[in-house]
Amino acid sequence: MNTFLNYLVVAALFAFVLAPVALGVARDRRIDRQLREAERGRRAAGPPETRSAARPVTAARRPYLRSWARV
């Protein structure tokens, strides 16, 4: 019985440590999907109708880093 409880504790600690990582990855994937959908929508809308319209500002995205410390 002690061996089973030891394995259960190790599995619980493992899940406890990896839960924030899994949630962060899921959040990043959701945000990336939303950005791709927004980019497709902007492309489908086409260029502005007037030549005097300002060019849209595009933010340069940093390379994807698998880290919680984003700057």
C-alpha atoms as a PDB file:
ATOM      1  CA  MET A   1       0.000   0.000   0.000  1.00  0.00           C
ATOM      2  CA  ASN A   2       2.884   2.379   0.728  1.00  0.00           C
ATOM      3  CA  THR A   3       4.270   1.876  -2.766  1.00  0.00           C
ATOM      4  CA  PHE A   4       0.922   2.756  -4.304  1.00  0.00           C
ATOM      5  CA  LEU A   5       0.677   5.911  -2.187  1.00  0.00           C
ATOM      6  CA  ASN A   6       4.240   6.870  -3.129  1.00  0.00           C
ATOM      7  CA  TYR A   7       3.403   6.528  -6.814  1.00  0.00           C
ATOM      8  CA  LEU A   8       0.202   8.496  -6.285  1.00  0.00           C
ATOM      9  CA  VAL A   9       2.072  11.324  -4.546  1.00  0.00           C
ATOM     10  CA  VAL A  10       4.695  11.464  -7.297  1.00  0.00           C
ATOM     11  CA  ALA A  11       1.995  11.543  -9.978  1.00  0.00           C
ATOM     12  CA  ALA A  12       0.123  14.294  -8.122  1.00  0.00           C
ATOM     13  CA  LEU A  13       3.284  16.412  -7.772  1.00  0.00           C
ATOM     14  CA  PHE A  14       4.095  15.837 -11.429  1.00  0.00           C
ATOM     15  CA  ALA A  15       0.601  17.017 -12.431  1.00  0.00           C
ATOM     16  CA  PHE A  16       0.820  19.962 -10.022  1.00  0.00           C
ATOM     17  CA  VAL A  17       4.098  21.129 -11.595  1.00  0.00           C
ATOM     18  CA  LEU A  18       3.022  20.604 -15.211  1.00  0.00           C
ATOM     19  CA  ALA A  19      -0.490  22.080 -14.944  1.00  0.00           C
ATOM     20  CA  PRO A  20       0.664  25.731 -15.333  1.00  0.00           C
ATOM     21  CA  VAL A  21       2.818  24.728 -18.299  1.00  0.00           C
ATOM     22  CA  ALA A  22      -0.086  23.008 -20.032  1.00  0.00           C
ATOM     23  CA  LEU A  23      -2.377  25.971 -19.396  1.00  0.00           C
ATOM     24  CA  GLY A  24       0.239  28.402 -20.731  1.00  0.00           C
ATOM     25  CA  VAL A  25       0.754  26.390 -23.903  1.00  0.00           C
ATOM     26  CA  ALA A  26      -3.002  26.184 -24.450  1.00  0.00           C
ATOM     27  CA  ARG A  27      -3.308  29.957 -23.932  1.00  0.00           C
ATOM     28  CA  ASP A  28      -0.460  30.667 -26.385  1.00  0.00           C
ATOM     29  CA  ARG A  29      -2.034  28.415 -29.009  1.00  0.00           C
ATOM     30  CA  ARG A  30      -5.388  30.158 -28.572  1.00  0.00           C
ATOM     31  CA  ILE A  31      -3.802  33.591 -28.962  1.00  0.00           C
ATOM     32  CA  ASP A  32      -1.828  32.475 -32.035  1.00  0.00           C
ATOM     33  CA  ARG A  33      -5.027  31.089 -33.592  1.00  0.00           C
ATOM     34  CA  GLN A  34      -6.827  34.374 -32.938  1.00  0.00           C
ATOM     35  CA  LEU A  35      -3.970  36.339 -34.494  1.00  0.00           C
ATOM     36  CA  ARG A  36      -3.993  34.118 -37.596  1.00  0.00           C
ATOM     37  CA  GLU A  37      -7.763  34.531 -37.960  1.00  0.00           C
ATOM     38  CA  ALA A  38      -7.454  38.299 -37.584  1.00  0.00           C
ATOM     39  CA  GLU A  39      -4.688  38.390 -40.195  1.00  0.00           C
ATOM     40  CA  ARG A  40      -6.837  36.393 -42.630  1.00  0.00           C
ATOM     41  CA  GLY A  41      -9.728  38.767 -42.043  1.00  0.00           C
ATOM     42  CA  ARG A  42      -7.540  41.772 -42.708  1.00  0.00           C
ATOM     43  CA  ARG A  43      -6.241  40.241 -45.945  1.00  0.00           C
ATOM     44  CA  ALA A  44      -9.760  39.399 -47.093  1.00  0.00           C
ATOM     45  CA  ALA A  45     -10.888  42.989 -46.471  1.00  0.00           C
ATOM     46  CA  GLY A  46      -8.341  44.236 -48.992  1.00  0.00           C
ATOM     47  CA  PRO A  47      -6.459  47.514 -49.150  1.00  0.00           C
ATOM     48  CA  PRO A  48      -7.985  50.798 -47.984  1.00  0.00           C
ATOM     49  CA  GLU A  49     -10.182  52.476 -50.560  1.00  0.00           C
ATOM     50  CA  THR A  50      -8.443  55.848 -50.488  1.00  0.00           C
ATOM     51  CA  ARG A  51      -4.811  56.461 -51.332  1.00  0.00           C
ATOM     52  CA  SER A  52      -4.528  59.054 -48.586  1.00  0.00           C
ATOM     53  CA  ALA A  53      -5.277  56.487 -45.894  1.00  0.00           C
ATOM     54  CA  ALA A  54      -2.395  55.752 -43.567  1.00  0.00           C
ATOM     55  CA  ARG A  55      -0.621  52.445 -43.857  1.00  0.00           C
ATOM     56  CA  PRO A  56      -1.661  50.100 -41.021  1.00  0.00           C
ATOM     57  CA  VAL A  57       0.895  49.625 -38.287  1.00  0.00           C
ATOM     58  CA  THR A  58       2.100  46.070 -37.996  1.00  0.00           C
ATOM     59  CA  ALA A  59       3.776  44.995 -34.788  1.00  0.00           C
ATOM     60  CA  ALA A  60       6.848  42.852 -35.203  1.00  0.00           C
ATOM     61  CA  ARG A  61       6.370  39.622 -33.296  1.00  0.00           C
ATOM     62  CA  ARG A  62       9.275  38.252 -31.349  1.00  0.00           C
ATOM     63  CA  PRO A  63      10.397  34.715 -32.030  1.00  0.00           C
ATOM     64  CA  TYR A  64       8.325  32.220 -30.124  1.00  0.00           C
ATOM     65  CA  LEU A  65      10.099  31.426 -26.880  1.00  0.00           C
ATOM     66  CA  ARG A  66       8.816  28.674 -24.649  1.00  0.00           C
ATOM     67  CA  SER A  67       9.231  30.624 -21.488  1.00  0.00           C
ATOM     68  CA  TRP A  68       7.066  32.347 -18.917  1.00  0.00           C
ATOM     69  CA  ALA A  69       9.378  35.370 -18.997  1.00  0.00           C
ATOM     70  CA  ARG A  70       8.239  37.313 -22.036  1.00  0.00           C
ATOM     71  CA  VAL A  71       9.711  40.727 -22.673  1.00  0.00           C
END
